């Protein structure tokens, strides 16, 4: 998704921000520091990928609105920022902390499978998110470059049947997820004996 967004939207950089203390779910079994290490390994060979440790270093729960506020302060008011989300995360956006403030801080780019109809999204949206979507949605990617924030754009990406939960299950069962992860990350997981039952 990151590489396709970088190319398709002509972005300067993709910044990965691993969550330190995710507020929406139980604490991951692998430490935040280890997850940060794995993201660094996964991004190491791409000069357009950067890893941002701010949420791992934060002592409080990781809220996207806080991270985007900090980023906005660093890059200035006129720089365009895009928050990349999967379609499922987007449909749950209304449950996020201060979710409506996100639109003042960044554009939302919703990655989805090709052929996923917009009607499938709008039918599942609560009214408040549906209203924001109707007001902010654009089909013109140049809108993301011409304004600093506030738009919603749908980006079809190559459909790959890879999920983190499936990879963790394979690791627990002793099945190799080779080719589903960068070799450096797989080596790290093996060395640290992560995701074992």
N, C-alpha and C. Protein backbone atom coordinates (compact mmCIF):
# COMPACT_ATOMS: atom_id res chain seq x y z
N UNK A 1 0.83 -1.19 0.00
CA UNK A 1 0.00 0.00 0.00
C UNK A 1 0.87 1.25 0.00
N UNK A 2 1.91 1.25 0.83
CA UNK A 2 2.74 2.44 0.95
C UNK A 2 3.42 2.78 -0.37
N UNK A 3 3.99 1.78 -1.03
CA UNK A 3 4.68 2.03 -2.29
C UNK A 3 3.71 2.49 -3.37
N UNK A 4 2.54 1.88 -3.42
CA UNK A 4 1.55 2.29 -4.42
C UNK A 4 1.05 3.71 -4.16
N UNK A 5 0.89 4.09 -2.91
CA UNK A 5 0.48 5.45 -2.58
C UNK A 5 1.58 6.44 -2.94
N UNK A 6 2.81 6.10 -2.63
CA UNK A 6 3.95 6.96 -2.95
C UNK A 6 3.99 7.27 -4.44
N UNK A 7 3.86 6.23 -5.24
CA UNK A 7 3.93 6.39 -6.70
C UNK A 7 2.66 7.01 -7.26
N UNK A 8 1.53 6.46 -6.89
CA UNK A 8 0.26 6.89 -7.47
C UNK A 8 -0.12 8.32 -7.13
N UNK A 9 0.27 8.78 -5.94
CA UNK A 9 -0.09 10.13 -5.52
C UNK A 9 1.08 11.11 -5.62
N UNK A 10 2.22 10.62 -6.11
CA UNK A 10 3.42 11.44 -6.25
C UNK A 10 3.82 12.09 -4.93
N UNK A 11 3.86 11.28 -3.88
CA UNK A 11 4.23 11.77 -2.55
C UNK A 11 5.74 11.87 -2.45
N UNK A 12 6.21 12.74 -1.57
CA UNK A 12 7.64 12.89 -1.36
C UNK A 12 8.19 11.81 -0.43
N UNK A 13 7.36 11.39 0.51
CA UNK A 13 7.83 10.45 1.53
C UNK A 13 6.62 9.76 2.16
N UNK A 14 6.84 8.53 2.59
CA UNK A 14 5.86 7.82 3.42
C UNK A 14 6.49 7.67 4.79
N UNK A 15 5.78 8.12 5.80
CA UNK A 15 6.28 8.04 7.17
C UNK A 15 5.47 6.98 7.92
N UNK A 16 6.16 5.99 8.44
CA UNK A 16 5.52 4.94 9.23
C UNK A 16 5.61 5.32 10.70
N UNK A 17 4.47 5.30 11.39
CA UNK A 17 4.43 5.68 12.80
C UNK A 17 3.81 4.52 13.59
N UNK A 18 4.63 3.59 14.07
CA UNK A 18 4.07 2.47 14.85
C UNK A 18 3.41 2.98 16.13
N UNK A 19 2.29 2.37 16.48
CA UNK A 19 1.58 2.75 17.70
C UNK A 19 2.35 2.26 18.92
N UNK A 20 2.44 3.10 19.92
CA UNK A 20 3.07 2.70 21.17
C UNK A 20 2.09 1.95 22.05
N UNK A 21 1.05 2.65 22.49
CA UNK A 21 -0.01 2.07 23.31
C UNK A 21 -1.32 2.25 22.56
N UNK A 22 -1.70 1.29 21.71
CA UNK A 22 -2.94 1.46 20.93
C UNK A 22 -4.15 1.54 21.85
N UNK A 23 -4.96 2.61 21.76
CA UNK A 23 -6.11 2.76 22.65
C UNK A 23 -7.32 1.92 22.26
N UNK A 24 -7.36 1.40 21.01
CA UNK A 24 -8.53 0.68 20.53
C UNK A 24 -8.51 -0.82 20.78
N UNK A 25 -7.42 -1.32 21.31
CA UNK A 25 -7.33 -2.77 21.50
C UNK A 25 -6.40 -3.08 22.66
N UNK A 26 -6.35 -4.33 23.03
CA UNK A 26 -5.46 -4.75 24.11
C UNK A 26 -4.01 -4.53 23.67
N UNK A 27 -3.14 -4.38 24.63
CA UNK A 27 -1.72 -4.18 24.33
C UNK A 27 -1.19 -5.36 23.53
N UNK A 28 -0.46 -5.10 22.45
CA UNK A 28 0.12 -6.19 21.68
C UNK A 28 1.07 -7.02 22.54
N UNK A 29 1.19 -8.31 22.21
CA UNK A 29 2.06 -9.19 22.98
C UNK A 29 3.53 -8.87 22.76
N UNK A 30 3.86 -8.30 21.63
CA UNK A 30 5.23 -7.91 21.33
C UNK A 30 5.40 -6.45 21.74
N UNK A 31 6.50 -6.12 22.37
CA UNK A 31 6.69 -4.76 22.89
C UNK A 31 6.70 -3.73 21.76
N UNK A 32 6.39 -2.51 22.14
CA UNK A 32 6.41 -1.40 21.18
C UNK A 32 7.81 -1.22 20.60
N UNK A 33 8.85 -1.38 21.43
CA UNK A 33 10.23 -1.23 20.95
C UNK A 33 10.55 -2.29 19.89
N UNK A 34 10.08 -3.51 20.09
CA UNK A 34 10.32 -4.57 19.10
C UNK A 34 9.56 -4.30 17.81
N UNK A 35 8.33 -3.83 17.93
CA UNK A 35 7.56 -3.51 16.73
C UNK A 35 8.23 -2.37 15.97
N UNK A 36 8.77 -1.40 16.69
CA UNK A 36 9.51 -0.30 16.06
C UNK A 36 10.74 -0.83 15.33
N UNK A 37 11.47 -1.75 15.96
CA UNK A 37 12.63 -2.36 15.30
C UNK A 37 12.23 -3.03 13.99
N UNK A 38 11.12 -3.77 14.01
CA UNK A 38 10.69 -4.48 12.80
C UNK A 38 10.29 -3.52 11.69
N UNK A 39 9.63 -2.42 12.05
CA UNK A 39 9.26 -1.43 11.03
C UNK A 39 10.52 -0.80 10.44
N UNK A 40 11.50 -0.52 11.28
CA UNK A 40 12.76 0.03 10.78
C UNK A 40 13.44 -0.93 9.80
N UNK A 41 13.44 -2.21 10.15
CA UNK A 41 14.03 -3.21 9.25
C UNK A 41 13.26 -3.29 7.94
N UNK A 42 11.95 -3.25 8.00
CA UNK A 42 11.12 -3.35 6.80
C UNK A 42 11.31 -2.16 5.87
N UNK A 43 11.60 -0.99 6.42
CA UNK A 43 11.71 0.24 5.62
C UNK A 43 13.14 0.58 5.20
N UNK A 44 14.10 -0.16 5.70
CA UNK A 44 15.51 0.21 5.56
C UNK A 44 15.97 0.39 4.12
N UNK A 45 15.45 -0.39 3.19
CA UNK A 45 15.96 -0.35 1.83
C UNK A 45 15.23 0.63 0.91
N UNK A 46 14.27 1.36 1.42
CA UNK A 46 13.52 2.29 0.58
C UNK A 46 13.82 3.72 1.01
N UNK A 47 14.50 4.49 0.17
CA UNK A 47 14.88 5.86 0.56
C UNK A 47 13.69 6.81 0.74
N UNK A 48 12.51 6.41 0.27
CA UNK A 48 11.32 7.25 0.41
C UNK A 48 10.49 6.89 1.64
N UNK A 49 10.91 5.87 2.37
CA UNK A 49 10.23 5.46 3.59
C UNK A 49 11.01 5.96 4.79
N UNK A 50 10.30 6.52 5.75
CA UNK A 50 10.91 6.99 7.00
C UNK A 50 10.12 6.39 8.16
N UNK A 51 10.80 6.15 9.25
CA UNK A 51 10.16 5.61 10.44
C UNK A 51 10.18 6.68 11.51
N UNK A 52 9.03 6.92 12.10
CA UNK A 52 8.84 7.96 13.11
C UNK A 52 8.47 7.26 14.42
N UNK A 53 9.29 7.43 15.43
CA UNK A 53 9.12 6.71 16.71
C UNK A 53 8.28 7.47 17.72
N UNK A 54 7.68 8.57 17.36
CA UNK A 54 7.02 9.45 18.34
C UNK A 54 5.98 8.72 19.20
N UNK A 55 5.18 7.84 18.62
CA UNK A 55 4.13 7.19 19.41
C UNK A 55 4.70 6.11 20.32
N UNK A 56 5.76 5.47 19.90
CA UNK A 56 6.41 4.47 20.76
C UNK A 56 7.07 5.17 21.95
N UNK A 57 7.61 6.34 21.72
CA UNK A 57 8.30 7.08 22.79
C UNK A 57 7.34 7.82 23.71
N UNK A 58 6.11 8.01 23.27
CA UNK A 58 5.11 8.72 24.06
C UNK A 58 4.67 7.85 25.24
N UNK A 59 4.58 8.43 26.41
CA UNK A 59 4.18 7.67 27.61
C UNK A 59 2.67 7.46 27.68
N UNK A 60 1.92 8.20 26.91
CA UNK A 60 0.46 8.12 26.93
C UNK A 60 -0.04 7.26 25.77
N UNK A 61 -1.33 6.93 25.75
CA UNK A 61 -1.88 6.20 24.61
C UNK A 61 -1.63 6.93 23.28
N UNK A 62 -1.54 6.15 22.21
CA UNK A 62 -1.21 6.67 20.88
C UNK A 62 -2.48 7.10 20.16
N UNK A 63 -2.70 8.40 20.11
CA UNK A 63 -3.84 8.93 19.36
C UNK A 63 -3.33 9.58 18.08
N UNK A 64 -3.90 9.22 16.96
CA UNK A 64 -3.48 9.75 15.68
C UNK A 64 -3.59 11.27 15.64
N UNK A 65 -4.61 11.82 16.25
CA UNK A 65 -4.78 13.27 16.23
C UNK A 65 -3.60 13.98 16.90
N UNK A 66 -3.05 13.40 17.95
CA UNK A 66 -1.89 14.01 18.62
C UNK A 66 -0.66 13.97 17.71
N UNK A 67 -0.44 12.83 17.07
CA UNK A 67 0.72 12.70 16.18
C UNK A 67 0.60 13.64 14.99
N UNK A 68 -0.59 13.73 14.40
CA UNK A 68 -0.77 14.64 13.27
C UNK A 68 -0.63 16.10 13.69
N UNK A 69 -1.08 16.43 14.89
CA UNK A 69 -0.90 17.80 15.40
C UNK A 69 0.58 18.14 15.51
N UNK A 70 1.35 17.21 16.03
CA UNK A 70 2.80 17.43 16.14
C UNK A 70 3.44 17.55 14.76
N UNK A 71 3.06 16.66 13.86
CA UNK A 71 3.60 16.73 12.49
C UNK A 71 3.24 18.04 11.81
N UNK A 72 2.00 18.47 11.97
CA UNK A 72 1.57 19.72 11.37
C UNK A 72 2.41 20.88 11.90
N UNK A 73 2.71 20.86 13.20
CA UNK A 73 3.57 21.88 13.78
C UNK A 73 4.98 21.86 13.20
N UNK A 74 5.47 20.68 12.86
CA UNK A 74 6.82 20.54 12.32
C UNK A 74 6.92 20.96 10.85
N UNK A 75 5.91 20.62 10.04
CA UNK A 75 6.01 20.89 8.60
C UNK A 75 5.38 22.22 8.20
N UNK A 76 4.61 22.82 9.10
CA UNK A 76 3.99 24.10 8.80
C UNK A 76 2.57 23.95 8.28
N UNK A 77 1.87 25.07 8.23
CA UNK A 77 0.44 25.07 7.91
C UNK A 77 0.15 24.82 6.44
N UNK A 78 1.10 25.09 5.54
CA UNK A 78 0.79 25.00 4.11
C UNK A 78 1.21 23.69 3.46
N UNK A 79 2.00 22.87 4.14
CA UNK A 79 2.45 21.60 3.58
C UNK A 79 1.31 20.58 3.58
N UNK A 80 1.08 19.93 2.45
CA UNK A 80 0.05 18.90 2.37
C UNK A 80 0.51 17.66 3.13
N UNK A 81 -0.38 17.11 3.95
CA UNK A 81 -0.14 15.85 4.65
C UNK A 81 -1.28 14.90 4.32
N UNK A 82 -0.94 13.63 4.14
CA UNK A 82 -1.95 12.60 3.87
C UNK A 82 -1.83 11.51 4.92
N UNK A 83 -2.95 11.11 5.47
CA UNK A 83 -3.02 9.98 6.38
C UNK A 83 -3.55 8.80 5.58
N UNK A 84 -2.74 7.74 5.46
CA UNK A 84 -3.14 6.56 4.70
C UNK A 84 -3.85 5.58 5.62
N UNK A 85 -5.04 5.16 5.21
CA UNK A 85 -5.85 4.22 5.99
C UNK A 85 -6.38 3.13 5.08
N UNK A 86 -6.60 1.96 5.64
CA UNK A 86 -7.33 0.93 4.94
C UNK A 86 -8.82 1.24 5.03
N UNK A 87 -9.61 0.63 4.15
CA UNK A 87 -11.05 0.90 4.12
C UNK A 87 -11.72 0.51 5.43
N UNK A 88 -11.32 -0.61 6.04
CA UNK A 88 -11.94 -1.02 7.30
C UNK A 88 -11.65 -0.03 8.42
N UNK A 89 -10.42 0.47 8.49
CA UNK A 89 -10.09 1.48 9.50
C UNK A 89 -10.91 2.75 9.27
N UNK A 90 -11.05 3.13 8.01
CA UNK A 90 -11.83 4.33 7.69
C UNK A 90 -13.28 4.20 8.15
N UNK A 91 -13.86 3.04 7.95
CA UNK A 91 -15.26 2.85 8.35
C UNK A 91 -15.43 2.91 9.86
N UNK A 92 -14.35 2.72 10.60
CA UNK A 92 -14.40 2.86 12.06
C UNK A 92 -13.88 4.20 12.56
N UNK A 93 -13.61 5.11 11.65
CA UNK A 93 -13.00 6.40 12.01
C UNK A 93 -13.80 7.15 13.07
N UNK A 94 -15.10 7.06 13.02
CA UNK A 94 -15.96 7.81 13.95
C UNK A 94 -15.74 7.37 15.41
N UNK A 95 -15.05 6.26 15.64
CA UNK A 95 -14.76 5.81 17.01
C UNK A 95 -13.42 6.32 17.51
N UNK A 96 -12.65 6.98 16.66
CA UNK A 96 -11.32 7.47 17.03
C UNK A 96 -11.44 8.72 17.89
N UNK A 97 -10.44 8.93 18.72
CA UNK A 97 -10.36 10.11 19.58
C UNK A 97 -10.27 11.37 18.71
N UNK A 98 -11.18 12.31 18.91
CA UNK A 98 -11.21 13.61 18.19
C UNK A 98 -11.12 13.42 16.68
N UNK A 99 -11.87 12.46 16.15
CA UNK A 99 -11.72 12.08 14.74
C UNK A 99 -12.01 13.22 13.77
N UNK A 100 -12.91 14.11 14.10
CA UNK A 100 -13.23 15.19 13.16
C UNK A 100 -12.10 16.21 13.05
N UNK A 101 -11.25 16.28 14.06
CA UNK A 101 -10.10 17.20 14.00
C UNK A 101 -9.06 16.72 12.98
N UNK A 102 -9.08 15.45 12.62
CA UNK A 102 -8.12 14.93 11.65
C UNK A 102 -8.19 15.68 10.32
N UNK A 103 -9.39 16.12 9.95
CA UNK A 103 -9.57 16.79 8.66
C UNK A 103 -8.89 18.16 8.60
N UNK A 104 -8.67 18.79 9.76
CA UNK A 104 -7.95 20.06 9.77
C UNK A 104 -6.44 19.84 9.72
N UNK A 105 -6.01 18.61 9.94
CA UNK A 105 -4.59 18.31 10.02
C UNK A 105 -4.03 17.62 8.79
N UNK A 106 -4.87 16.85 8.07
CA UNK A 106 -4.37 16.06 6.94
C UNK A 106 -5.52 15.71 6.00
N UNK A 107 -5.14 15.24 4.82
CA UNK A 107 -6.08 14.58 3.92
C UNK A 107 -6.16 13.13 4.36
N UNK A 108 -7.27 12.48 4.09
CA UNK A 108 -7.38 11.05 4.34
C UNK A 108 -7.38 10.32 3.01
N UNK A 109 -6.45 9.39 2.87
CA UNK A 109 -6.36 8.57 1.67
C UNK A 109 -6.76 7.16 2.07
N UNK A 110 -7.83 6.68 1.46
CA UNK A 110 -8.40 5.39 1.82
C UNK A 110 -7.98 4.35 0.79
N UNK A 111 -7.13 3.43 1.21
CA UNK A 111 -6.67 2.36 0.32
C UNK A 111 -7.72 1.25 0.31
N UNK A 112 -8.06 0.80 -0.88
CA UNK A 112 -9.08 -0.24 -1.00
C UNK A 112 -8.76 -1.13 -2.18
N UNK A 113 -9.39 -2.29 -2.20
CA UNK A 113 -9.23 -3.22 -3.31
C UNK A 113 -9.85 -2.61 -4.57
N UNK A 114 -9.25 -2.87 -5.73
CA UNK A 114 -9.88 -2.38 -6.98
C UNK A 114 -11.28 -2.97 -7.12
N UNK A 115 -12.20 -2.17 -7.62
CA UNK A 115 -13.57 -2.63 -7.82
C UNK A 115 -14.44 -2.53 -6.58
N UNK A 116 -13.88 -2.05 -5.47
CA UNK A 116 -14.66 -1.88 -4.24
C UNK A 116 -15.52 -0.65 -4.41
N UNK A 117 -16.83 -0.80 -4.58
CA UNK A 117 -17.68 0.35 -4.92
C UNK A 117 -17.86 1.32 -3.75
N UNK A 118 -17.92 2.59 -4.07
CA UNK A 118 -18.13 3.62 -3.05
C UNK A 118 -19.43 3.37 -2.28
N UNK A 119 -20.42 2.82 -2.95
CA UNK A 119 -21.69 2.56 -2.27
C UNK A 119 -21.51 1.58 -1.12
N UNK A 120 -20.54 0.68 -1.23
CA UNK A 120 -20.28 -0.27 -0.15
C UNK A 120 -19.77 0.46 1.10
N UNK A 121 -19.08 1.58 0.90
CA UNK A 121 -18.61 2.37 2.04
C UNK A 121 -19.77 3.15 2.65
N UNK A 122 -20.44 3.91 1.81
CA UNK A 122 -21.44 4.84 2.32
C UNK A 122 -22.59 4.11 3.02
N UNK A 123 -22.91 2.92 2.56
CA UNK A 123 -23.98 2.15 3.21
C UNK A 123 -23.61 1.75 4.63
N UNK A 124 -22.32 1.55 4.89
CA UNK A 124 -21.86 1.10 6.20
C UNK A 124 -21.44 2.23 7.13
N UNK A 125 -21.44 3.46 6.66
CA UNK A 125 -20.98 4.59 7.46
C UNK A 125 -22.07 5.08 8.40
N UNK A 126 -21.69 5.46 9.62
CA UNK A 126 -22.66 6.16 10.47
C UNK A 126 -22.92 7.55 9.87
N UNK A 127 -24.04 8.15 10.22
CA UNK A 127 -24.40 9.43 9.59
C UNK A 127 -23.34 10.53 9.69
N UNK A 128 -22.68 10.65 10.82
CA UNK A 128 -21.68 11.73 10.97
C UNK A 128 -20.51 11.54 10.00
N UNK A 129 -20.03 10.31 9.86
CA UNK A 129 -18.94 10.05 8.92
C UNK A 129 -19.42 10.17 7.48
N UNK A 130 -20.63 9.75 7.21
CA UNK A 130 -21.20 9.86 5.88
C UNK A 130 -21.28 11.33 5.45
N UNK A 131 -21.65 12.19 6.37
CA UNK A 131 -21.72 13.63 6.08
C UNK A 131 -20.35 14.19 5.74
N UNK A 132 -19.34 13.85 6.55
CA UNK A 132 -17.97 14.33 6.27
C UNK A 132 -17.50 13.79 4.92
N UNK A 133 -17.79 12.53 4.66
CA UNK A 133 -17.36 11.91 3.41
C UNK A 133 -17.97 12.64 2.21
N UNK A 134 -19.24 12.92 2.26
CA UNK A 134 -19.90 13.60 1.14
C UNK A 134 -19.35 15.01 0.93
N UNK A 135 -19.02 15.69 2.01
CA UNK A 135 -18.49 17.06 1.91
C UNK A 135 -17.06 17.09 1.39
N UNK A 136 -16.26 16.09 1.76
CA UNK A 136 -14.82 16.17 1.55
C UNK A 136 -14.27 15.29 0.44
N UNK A 137 -15.06 14.36 -0.05
CA UNK A 137 -14.57 13.38 -1.02
C UNK A 137 -14.19 14.04 -2.34
N UNK A 138 -13.05 13.63 -2.89
CA UNK A 138 -12.62 14.09 -4.21
C UNK A 138 -12.12 12.91 -5.02
N UNK A 139 -12.29 12.99 -6.31
CA UNK A 139 -11.73 11.99 -7.22
C UNK A 139 -10.50 12.52 -7.92
N UNK A 140 -10.11 13.75 -7.59
CA UNK A 140 -8.97 14.42 -8.23
C UNK A 140 -7.78 14.43 -7.27
N UNK A 141 -6.78 13.62 -7.57
CA UNK A 141 -5.61 13.51 -6.69
C UNK A 141 -4.86 14.83 -6.56
N UNK A 142 -4.97 15.71 -7.54
CA UNK A 142 -4.27 16.99 -7.43
C UNK A 142 -4.82 17.84 -6.29
N UNK A 143 -6.05 17.58 -5.87
CA UNK A 143 -6.60 18.29 -4.70
C UNK A 143 -5.75 18.04 -3.46
N UNK A 144 -5.10 16.90 -3.40
CA UNK A 144 -4.26 16.56 -2.25
C UNK A 144 -2.96 17.36 -2.25
N UNK A 145 -2.52 17.76 -3.41
CA UNK A 145 -1.28 18.54 -3.50
C UNK A 145 -1.55 20.04 -3.39
N UNK A 146 -2.75 20.46 -3.77
CA UNK A 146 -3.06 21.89 -3.84
C UNK A 146 -3.59 22.48 -2.55
N UNK A 147 -3.93 21.65 -1.59
CA UNK A 147 -4.40 22.11 -0.30
C UNK A 147 -3.70 21.30 0.79
N UNK A 148 -3.54 21.85 1.98
CA UNK A 148 -2.80 21.14 3.02
C UNK A 148 -3.57 20.01 3.70
N UNK A 149 -4.90 20.07 3.70
CA UNK A 149 -5.67 19.08 4.46
C UNK A 149 -7.15 19.17 4.08
N UNK A 150 -7.92 18.23 4.62
CA UNK A 150 -9.37 18.35 4.55
C UNK A 150 -10.08 17.53 3.50
N UNK A 151 -9.36 16.85 2.62
CA UNK A 151 -10.02 16.08 1.56
C UNK A 151 -9.96 14.59 1.87
N UNK A 152 -10.83 13.83 1.24
CA UNK A 152 -10.85 12.37 1.34
C UNK A 152 -10.70 11.84 -0.08
N UNK A 153 -9.77 10.93 -0.26
CA UNK A 153 -9.48 10.38 -1.58
C UNK A 153 -9.40 8.86 -1.47
N UNK A 154 -9.99 8.16 -2.41
CA UNK A 154 -9.94 6.69 -2.44
C UNK A 154 -8.86 6.24 -3.41
N UNK A 155 -8.00 5.36 -2.95
CA UNK A 155 -6.87 4.88 -3.75
C UNK A 155 -6.97 3.37 -3.91
N UNK A 156 -7.31 2.89 -5.11
CA UNK A 156 -7.32 1.44 -5.30
C UNK A 156 -5.90 0.90 -5.28
N UNK A 157 -5.71 -0.20 -4.56
CA UNK A 157 -4.38 -0.81 -4.49
C UNK A 157 -4.48 -2.28 -4.89
N UNK A 158 -3.35 -2.82 -5.25
CA UNK A 158 -3.29 -4.23 -5.62
C UNK A 158 -3.80 -5.09 -4.48
N UNK A 159 -4.71 -5.98 -4.78
CA UNK A 159 -5.28 -6.84 -3.75
C UNK A 159 -4.32 -7.98 -3.44
N UNK A 160 -3.73 -7.96 -2.25
CA UNK A 160 -2.86 -9.03 -1.77
C UNK A 160 -3.48 -9.59 -0.51
N UNK A 161 -3.65 -10.88 -0.46
CA UNK A 161 -4.29 -11.51 0.69
C UNK A 161 -3.26 -11.77 1.78
N UNK A 162 -2.78 -10.67 2.38
CA UNK A 162 -1.79 -10.74 3.44
C UNK A 162 -2.33 -9.96 4.62
N UNK A 163 -2.35 -10.58 5.78
CA UNK A 163 -2.77 -9.85 6.98
C UNK A 163 -1.82 -10.17 8.12
N UNK A 164 -1.64 -9.20 8.98
CA UNK A 164 -0.75 -9.38 10.14
C UNK A 164 -1.25 -10.51 11.03
N UNK A 165 -2.56 -10.59 11.23
CA UNK A 165 -3.09 -11.64 12.10
C UNK A 165 -2.85 -13.03 11.49
N UNK A 166 -2.96 -13.15 10.18
CA UNK A 166 -2.70 -14.43 9.51
C UNK A 166 -1.22 -14.81 9.64
N UNK A 167 -0.34 -13.84 9.47
CA UNK A 167 1.10 -14.10 9.61
C UNK A 167 1.41 -14.54 11.04
N UNK A 168 0.83 -13.88 12.04
CA UNK A 168 1.07 -14.28 13.44
C UNK A 168 0.55 -15.70 13.69
N UNK A 169 -0.61 -16.04 13.12
CA UNK A 169 -1.14 -17.40 13.28
C UNK A 169 -0.21 -18.43 12.65
N UNK A 170 0.30 -18.13 11.46
CA UNK A 170 1.23 -19.05 10.82
C UNK A 170 2.47 -19.25 11.68
N UNK A 171 3.00 -18.17 12.23
CA UNK A 171 4.18 -18.28 13.09
C UNK A 171 3.89 -19.14 14.31
N UNK A 172 2.72 -18.98 14.92
CA UNK A 172 2.35 -19.79 16.07
C UNK A 172 2.26 -21.26 15.72
N UNK A 173 1.83 -21.56 14.50
CA UNK A 173 1.68 -22.95 14.08
C UNK A 173 2.96 -23.52 13.48
N UNK A 174 4.02 -22.70 13.42
CA UNK A 174 5.29 -23.17 12.88
C UNK A 174 5.36 -23.14 11.37
N UNK A 175 4.45 -22.41 10.72
CA UNK A 175 4.43 -22.28 9.26
C UNK A 175 5.21 -21.03 8.88
N UNK A 176 6.12 -21.15 7.95
CA UNK A 176 6.95 -20.02 7.55
C UNK A 176 6.16 -19.00 6.74
N UNK A 177 6.23 -17.72 7.13
CA UNK A 177 5.59 -16.67 6.32
C UNK A 177 6.57 -16.03 5.33
N UNK A 178 7.58 -16.80 4.92
CA UNK A 178 8.58 -16.28 4.00
C UNK A 178 7.88 -15.73 2.76
N UNK A 179 8.37 -14.64 2.24
CA UNK A 179 7.85 -13.90 1.09
C UNK A 179 6.64 -13.05 1.44
N UNK A 180 6.13 -13.16 2.66
CA UNK A 180 5.05 -12.28 3.11
C UNK A 180 5.61 -11.13 3.95
N UNK A 181 6.85 -11.27 4.36
CA UNK A 181 7.55 -10.27 5.16
C UNK A 181 8.93 -10.06 4.56
N UNK A 182 9.53 -8.88 4.75
CA UNK A 182 10.92 -8.72 4.35
C UNK A 182 11.80 -9.72 5.13
N UNK A 183 12.82 -10.22 4.46
CA UNK A 183 13.69 -11.22 5.10
C UNK A 183 14.28 -10.72 6.42
N UNK A 184 14.64 -9.44 6.48
CA UNK A 184 15.23 -8.90 7.70
C UNK A 184 14.24 -8.96 8.87
N UNK A 185 12.97 -8.73 8.60
CA UNK A 185 11.95 -8.79 9.65
C UNK A 185 11.73 -10.24 10.07
N UNK A 186 11.69 -11.13 9.11
CA UNK A 186 11.52 -12.56 9.42
C UNK A 186 12.68 -13.07 10.27
N UNK A 187 13.88 -12.64 9.94
CA UNK A 187 15.06 -13.03 10.73
C UNK A 187 14.96 -12.48 12.16
N UNK A 188 14.52 -11.24 12.30
CA UNK A 188 14.34 -10.63 13.63
C UNK A 188 13.34 -11.43 14.45
N UNK A 189 12.21 -11.78 13.84
CA UNK A 189 11.17 -12.55 14.53
C UNK A 189 11.72 -13.90 14.98
N UNK A 190 12.46 -14.54 14.10
CA UNK A 190 13.05 -15.85 14.42
C UNK A 190 14.08 -15.74 15.53
N UNK A 191 14.95 -14.76 15.44
CA UNK A 191 16.00 -14.58 16.44
C UNK A 191 15.42 -14.28 17.80
N UNK A 192 14.38 -13.46 17.85
CA UNK A 192 13.77 -13.07 19.13
C UNK A 192 12.69 -14.05 19.60
N UNK A 193 12.41 -15.06 18.76
CA UNK A 193 11.39 -16.07 19.11
C UNK A 193 10.03 -15.41 19.39
N UNK A 194 9.64 -14.49 18.50
CA UNK A 194 8.38 -13.77 18.68
C UNK A 194 7.21 -14.57 18.12
N UNK A 195 6.05 -14.29 18.65
CA UNK A 195 4.77 -14.84 18.18
C UNK A 195 4.65 -16.36 18.36
N UNK A 196 5.42 -16.91 19.28
CA UNK A 196 5.27 -18.33 19.60
C UNK A 196 4.14 -18.47 20.60
N UNK A 197 3.52 -19.64 20.66
CA UNK A 197 2.45 -19.84 21.64
C UNK A 197 3.03 -19.88 23.03
